[in-house]
């Protein structure tokens, strides 16, 4: 039961403080055409 309490505390902390988390660097992949708006729908 304690494992669920600990997991709940971590989840609550993530939910409440997500805006203060460090940003993860992302790299855009694919061609310019595949990254255009709506391309994910095709």
N, C-alpha and C. Protein backbone atom coordinates (compact mmCIF):
# COMPACT_ATOMS: atom_id res chain seq x y z
N UNK A 1 0.82 -1.20 0.00
CA UNK A 1 0.00 0.00 0.00
C UNK A 1 0.87 1.26 0.00
N UNK A 2 2.01 1.21 0.65
CA UNK A 2 2.89 2.38 0.70
C UNK A 2 3.42 2.74 -0.68
N UNK A 3 3.59 1.74 -1.55
CA UNK A 3 4.08 2.01 -2.90
C UNK A 3 3.08 2.87 -3.66
N UNK A 4 1.79 2.60 -3.47
CA UNK A 4 0.77 3.41 -4.14
C UNK A 4 0.75 4.83 -3.61
N UNK A 5 0.97 5.00 -2.33
CA UNK A 5 1.02 6.35 -1.74
C UNK A 5 2.20 7.13 -2.28
N UNK A 6 3.35 6.48 -2.39
CA UNK A 6 4.55 7.15 -2.92
C UNK A 6 4.35 7.51 -4.39
N UNK A 7 3.75 6.59 -5.15
CA UNK A 7 3.49 6.87 -6.57
C UNK A 7 2.50 8.02 -6.71
N UNK A 8 1.50 8.07 -5.85
CA UNK A 8 0.52 9.15 -5.88
C UNK A 8 1.15 10.50 -5.57
N UNK A 9 2.08 10.53 -4.63
CA UNK A 9 2.77 11.78 -4.30
C UNK A 9 3.61 12.27 -5.48
N UNK A 10 4.30 11.34 -6.15
CA UNK A 10 5.12 11.71 -7.31
C UNK A 10 4.24 12.21 -8.45
N UNK A 11 3.12 11.56 -8.66
CA UNK A 11 2.20 11.97 -9.72
C UNK A 11 1.61 13.34 -9.42
N UNK A 12 1.22 13.57 -8.18
CA UNK A 12 0.67 14.88 -7.79
C UNK A 12 1.71 15.97 -7.97
N UNK A 13 2.96 15.71 -7.59
CA UNK A 13 4.03 16.69 -7.75
C UNK A 13 4.24 17.02 -9.22
N UNK A 14 4.24 16.00 -10.06
CA UNK A 14 4.39 16.23 -11.50
C UNK A 14 3.23 17.05 -12.04
N UNK A 15 2.03 16.74 -11.60
CA UNK A 15 0.84 17.44 -12.08
C UNK A 15 0.85 18.92 -11.66
N UNK A 16 1.23 19.19 -10.45
CA UNK A 16 1.18 20.55 -9.92
C UNK A 16 2.36 21.39 -10.40
N UNK A 17 3.53 20.80 -10.54
CA UNK A 17 4.75 21.55 -10.83
C UNK A 17 5.31 21.33 -12.23
N UNK A 18 4.48 20.90 -13.18
CA UNK A 18 5.01 20.60 -14.51
C UNK A 18 5.59 21.82 -15.21
N UNK A 19 5.09 23.00 -14.91
CA UNK A 19 5.57 24.20 -15.59
C UNK A 19 6.99 24.59 -15.15
N UNK A 20 7.43 24.11 -14.00
CA UNK A 20 8.77 24.46 -13.53
C UNK A 20 9.81 23.40 -13.91
N UNK A 21 9.40 22.37 -14.62
CA UNK A 21 10.35 21.32 -15.02
C UNK A 21 11.27 21.84 -16.12
N UNK A 22 12.49 21.30 -16.18
CA UNK A 22 13.43 21.68 -17.22
C UNK A 22 12.90 21.24 -18.58
N UNK A 23 13.09 22.09 -19.57
CA UNK A 23 12.65 21.73 -20.92
C UNK A 23 13.60 20.72 -21.52
N UNK A 24 13.04 19.81 -22.29
CA UNK A 24 13.81 18.79 -22.97
C UNK A 24 14.09 19.29 -24.38
N UNK A 25 15.37 19.31 -24.81
CA UNK A 25 15.68 19.81 -26.15
C UNK A 25 15.12 18.87 -27.24
N UNK A 26 14.40 19.43 -28.18
CA UNK A 26 13.80 18.65 -29.25
C UNK A 26 14.39 19.06 -30.59
N UNK A 27 14.48 18.11 -31.48
CA UNK A 27 14.92 18.38 -32.85
C UNK A 27 13.80 17.99 -33.79
N UNK A 28 13.47 18.90 -34.70
CA UNK A 28 12.42 18.63 -35.67
C UNK A 28 12.96 17.66 -36.72
N UNK A 29 12.17 16.66 -37.05
CA UNK A 29 12.59 15.66 -38.03
C UNK A 29 11.63 15.65 -39.20
N UNK A 30 12.09 15.19 -40.34
CA UNK A 30 11.25 15.08 -41.52
C UNK A 30 11.46 16.27 -42.43
N UNK A 31 10.71 16.25 -43.51
CA UNK A 31 10.81 17.33 -44.47
C UNK A 31 9.90 18.47 -44.05
N UNK A 32 10.10 19.58 -44.65
CA UNK A 32 9.26 20.74 -44.34
C UNK A 32 7.80 20.42 -44.67
N UNK A 33 7.57 19.71 -45.75
CA UNK A 33 6.21 19.37 -46.18
C UNK A 33 5.54 18.45 -45.14
N UNK A 34 6.28 17.48 -44.61
CA UNK A 34 5.69 16.55 -43.64
C UNK A 34 5.41 17.21 -42.30
N UNK A 35 6.05 18.34 -42.02
CA UNK A 35 5.83 19.05 -40.76
C UNK A 35 4.79 20.16 -40.88
N UNK A 36 4.19 20.28 -42.06
CA UNK A 36 3.22 21.35 -42.24
C UNK A 36 1.93 21.06 -41.48
N UNK A 37 1.16 22.06 -41.24
CA UNK A 37 -0.08 21.92 -40.50
C UNK A 37 -1.01 20.93 -41.20
N UNK A 38 -1.52 19.99 -40.45
CA UNK A 38 -2.46 19.02 -40.99
C UNK A 38 -1.82 17.81 -41.64
N UNK A 39 -0.50 17.76 -41.74
CA UNK A 39 0.17 16.63 -42.38
C UNK A 39 -0.07 15.34 -41.62
N UNK A 40 -0.29 15.43 -40.33
CA UNK A 40 -0.50 14.23 -39.52
C UNK A 40 -1.83 13.56 -39.83
N UNK A 41 -2.73 14.27 -40.50
CA UNK A 41 -4.05 13.71 -40.83
C UNK A 41 -4.03 12.84 -42.06
N UNK A 42 -3.02 12.98 -42.89
CA UNK A 42 -2.99 12.24 -44.17
C UNK A 42 -2.62 10.81 -43.99
